[in-house]
Amino acid sequence: MKNQQLRARIRGRVQGVGFRDFARFEARQRGLTGYAMNLPNGDVEVVAEGDKDMLESFLNALRKGPPAARVLDIDSEWSDSLEAFPSFTIRF
C-alpha cells in the first residue's frame, strides 16, 4: 500500500508551548517523516508522510497537543506521499 501525506494546520495556543517538539517526537515514534513549522499568524503547519494508520494516530495526538497547548481546530488534507523527507524535522 502506498504511503500517504498528511498536511495539517493547527490553530489555537500552539506556539511557544513546545508544540513543534511534541509533533517531532510523536512523528518519530510512529516512523513518519516530514516537518513542523510555526506560521506568522500563530498557527503551526505539520506535513507528515508514512503509513495511513500511523498518520491517523499522529493526527489524533496533534488534536491533544502537549500539556501547555490548547488546540482549537485542525484543518487537514490527505494526498499520496511524495517521499520528499528523510526524517521528521522542525523548520524555522
Protein backbone atom coordinates (compact mmCIF):
# COMPACT_ATOMS: atom_id res chain seq x y z
CA MET A 1 0.00 0.00 0.00
CA LYS A 2 1.31 3.42 -0.97
CA ASN A 3 2.29 5.80 1.81
CA GLN A 4 0.18 8.90 2.35
CA GLN A 5 0.90 12.53 3.09
CA LEU A 6 -0.96 14.47 5.78
CA ARG A 7 -0.84 18.27 5.69
CA ALA A 8 -2.31 19.83 8.82
CA ARG A 9 -2.73 23.40 10.05
CA ILE A 10 -3.21 23.57 13.80
CA ARG A 11 -4.90 26.61 15.35
CA GLY A 12 -5.08 27.69 18.97
CA ARG A 13 -2.41 28.27 21.58
CA VAL A 14 0.21 26.24 19.70
CA GLN A 15 3.28 28.49 19.55
CA GLY A 16 5.64 28.91 22.49
CA VAL A 17 4.28 25.77 24.18
CA GLY A 18 6.57 23.07 22.73
CA PHE A 19 4.13 22.03 20.01
CA ARG A 20 6.75 21.51 17.29
CA ASP A 21 8.92 19.39 19.60
CA PHE A 22 5.82 17.41 20.57
CA ALA A 23 4.96 16.86 16.89
CA ARG A 24 8.51 15.74 16.08
CA PHE A 25 8.53 13.26 18.99
CA GLU A 26 5.10 11.83 18.10
CA ALA A 27 6.00 11.55 14.39
CA ARG A 28 9.29 9.80 15.06
CA GLN A 29 7.57 7.36 17.44
CA ARG A 30 5.38 6.34 14.51
CA GLY A 31 8.14 6.19 11.86
CA LEU A 32 6.81 9.24 10.00
CA THR A 33 8.81 11.81 8.05
CA GLY A 34 8.08 15.48 7.37
CA TYR A 35 8.23 18.69 9.36
CA ALA A 36 6.52 21.05 11.81
CA MET A 37 6.78 24.82 11.35
CA ASN A 38 5.41 27.92 13.07
CA LEU A 39 3.43 30.21 10.76
CA PRO A 40 3.40 34.01 11.04
CA ASN A 41 -0.32 34.07 12.01
CA GLY A 42 0.26 31.91 15.12
CA ASP A 43 -0.73 28.55 13.61
CA VAL A 44 1.55 25.54 13.27
CA GLU A 45 1.86 23.70 9.95
CA VAL A 46 2.66 19.99 10.02
CA VAL A 47 3.41 17.89 6.97
CA ALA A 48 3.92 14.18 7.61
CA GLU A 49 4.35 11.16 5.38
CA GLY A 50 4.07 7.46 6.08
CA ASP A 51 1.62 4.67 6.75
CA LYS A 52 -2.01 5.85 6.79
CA ASP A 53 -2.80 4.20 10.14
CA MET A 54 0.25 5.82 11.73
CA LEU A 55 -0.72 9.18 10.23
CA GLU A 56 -4.24 8.89 11.66
CA SER A 57 -2.77 8.07 15.08
CA PHE A 58 -0.44 11.07 14.71
CA LEU A 59 -3.35 13.35 13.82
CA ASN A 60 -5.18 12.22 16.97
CA ALA A 61 -2.08 13.09 19.02
CA LEU A 62 -1.92 16.53 17.35
CA ARG A 63 -5.53 17.16 18.37
CA LYS A 64 -4.47 16.83 22.02
CA GLY A 65 -1.06 18.51 21.75
CA PRO A 66 1.42 18.95 24.61
CA PRO A 67 0.13 19.92 28.09
CA ALA A 68 0.60 23.71 27.68
CA ALA A 69 -1.11 23.83 24.26
CA ARG A 70 -4.76 24.50 23.58
CA VAL A 71 -5.74 23.16 20.17
CA LEU A 72 -8.88 24.86 18.86
CA ASP A 73 -9.05 23.45 15.33
CA ILE A 74 -7.10 21.41 12.77
CA ASP A 75 -7.54 21.62 9.02
CA SER A 76 -6.12 18.53 7.34
CA GLU A 77 -5.57 17.42 3.75
CA TRP A 78 -4.58 13.97 2.53
CA SER A 79 -2.67 13.04 -0.60
CA ASP A 80 -0.23 10.45 -1.91
CA SER A 81 3.21 10.63 -0.35
CA LEU A 82 5.87 12.48 -2.31
CA GLU A 83 8.54 10.68 -0.25
CA ALA A 84 10.29 14.04 -0.01
CA PHE A 85 11.56 13.91 3.58
CA PRO A 86 14.43 11.85 5.00
CA SER A 87 13.25 12.36 8.63
CA PHE A 88 10.86 14.48 10.69
CA THR A 89 12.31 17.91 11.47
CA ILE A 90 11.42 21.30 12.88
CA ARG A 91 11.57 24.10 10.34
CA PHE A 92 12.35 27.65 11.38
